[in-house]
Amino acid sequence: MKLTMRVDLGDGPFTVTTTLQTIVAWERRYKKKASDLAAGVGVEDLAFLAWDACKREQIVVPVELDGFINRLQALDVVTEEAAGPFQPAPTGGS
């Protein structure tokens, strides 16, 4: 599962994309499974995913999640992709 999110910490919006490592970090912190996200995603869940994705992309953010949340002006999911073990099949044509 990949989420691309638009984040604004007050300095203008930018996008970040979650990775498998981000999802695992969320599972470990909240003691939930990624499949639980299908039942509904809370705002704190999205904030954590954005915060962790920022850190992994070496974007400077507050050290603690609460500091990140306090600076958030806007947080929107732009796209969501289900990550499977296989690449999409090639399409026919020339």
Protein backbone atom coordinates (compact mmCIF):
# COMPACT_ATOMS: atom_id res chain seq x y z
CA MET A 1 0.00 0.00 0.00
CA LYS A 2 1.30 3.40 -0.97
CA LEU A 3 -0.26 6.69 -0.04
CA THR A 4 0.81 9.95 -1.56
CA MET A 5 -0.11 12.83 0.69
CA ARG A 6 -0.03 16.60 0.33
CA VAL A 7 1.34 18.11 3.53
CA ASP A 8 1.49 21.75 4.54
CA LEU A 9 3.42 22.69 7.68
CA GLY A 10 2.94 26.39 7.09
CA ASP A 11 5.76 26.83 4.57
CA GLY A 12 3.74 25.76 1.53
CA PRO A 13 2.47 22.35 0.47
CA PHE A 14 4.64 19.42 -0.61
CA THR A 15 3.98 15.75 -1.29
CA VAL A 16 5.35 12.63 0.36
CA THR A 17 4.73 8.96 -0.37
CA THR A 18 4.63 6.18 2.17
CA THR A 19 6.80 3.11 1.82
CA LEU A 20 6.55 -0.41 3.19
CA GLN A 21 8.82 0.71 6.03
CA THR A 22 6.38 3.52 6.89
CA ILE A 23 3.46 1.07 7.08
CA VAL A 24 5.48 -1.32 9.28
CA ALA A 25 6.41 1.56 11.59
CA TRP A 26 2.69 2.44 11.86
CA GLU A 27 1.81 -1.20 12.64
CA ARG A 28 4.46 -1.37 15.36
CA ARG A 29 3.49 1.93 16.98
CA TYR A 30 -0.28 1.36 16.99
CA LYS A 31 -0.30 -2.45 17.30
CA LYS A 32 -2.59 -2.78 14.28
CA LYS A 33 -2.40 -4.48 10.90
CA ALA A 34 -2.23 -2.64 7.59
CA SER A 35 -5.51 -4.34 6.66
CA ASP A 36 -7.14 -2.37 9.51
CA LEU A 37 -6.63 0.78 7.43
CA ALA A 38 -9.32 -0.48 5.03
CA ALA A 39 -11.91 -0.14 7.82
CA GLY A 40 -11.14 3.55 8.16
CA VAL A 41 -8.18 5.81 8.67
CA GLY A 42 -8.03 8.28 11.52
CA VAL A 43 -6.44 11.69 11.25
CA GLU A 44 -3.71 10.69 13.71
CA ASP A 45 -2.97 7.65 11.52
CA LEU A 46 -2.55 9.89 8.47
CA ALA A 47 -0.44 12.34 10.45
CA PHE A 48 1.86 9.53 11.63
CA LEU A 49 2.20 8.15 8.08
CA ALA A 50 3.02 11.63 6.73
CA TRP A 51 5.48 12.34 9.58
CA ASP A 52 7.30 9.04 9.11
CA ALA A 53 7.34 9.41 5.32
CA CYS A 54 8.84 12.90 5.68
CA LYS A 55 11.59 11.60 7.95
CA ARG A 56 12.39 8.77 5.51
CA GLU A 57 12.58 11.29 2.64
CA GLN A 58 14.92 13.42 4.81
CA ILE A 59 12.48 16.31 5.02
CA VAL A 60 13.12 18.28 8.21
CA VAL A 61 10.17 17.85 10.56
CA PRO A 62 9.74 18.07 14.34
CA VAL A 63 11.32 15.16 16.21
CA GLU A 64 8.09 14.26 17.99
CA LEU A 65 4.79 13.43 16.27
CA ASP A 66 2.86 15.92 18.40
CA GLY A 67 5.17 18.72 17.25
CA PHE A 68 4.49 17.69 13.65
CA ILE A 69 0.73 17.65 14.28
CA ASN A 70 0.88 21.09 15.91
CA ARG A 71 2.51 22.53 12.79
CA LEU A 72 0.13 20.86 10.30
CA GLN A 73 -1.92 23.36 8.34
CA ALA A 74 -3.31 20.81 5.87
CA LEU A 75 -3.01 17.08 5.19
CA ASP A 76 -4.70 15.43 2.20
CA VAL A 77 -4.40 12.01 0.58
CA VAL A 78 -3.65 12.59 -3.09
CA THR A 79 -3.47 8.99 -4.33
CA GLU A 80 -3.62 5.51 -2.91
CA GLU A 81 -2.11 2.43 -4.55
CA ALA A 82 -2.38 -1.15 -3.40
CA ALA A 83 1.13 -2.57 -3.40
CA GLY A 84 1.18 -6.15 -4.61
CA PRO A 85 4.04 -8.56 -5.07
CA PHE A 86 3.91 -8.28 -8.87
CA GLN A 87 4.35 -5.54 -11.43
CA PRO A 88 1.30 -4.74 -13.59
CA ALA A 89 0.97 -6.88 -16.67
CA PRO A 90 2.24 -5.30 -19.88
CA THR A 91 -0.45 -4.09 -22.22
CA GLY A 92 -0.71 -5.30 -25.78
CA GLY A 93 -0.11 -3.03 -28.69
CA SER A 94 2.70 -1.58 -30.67
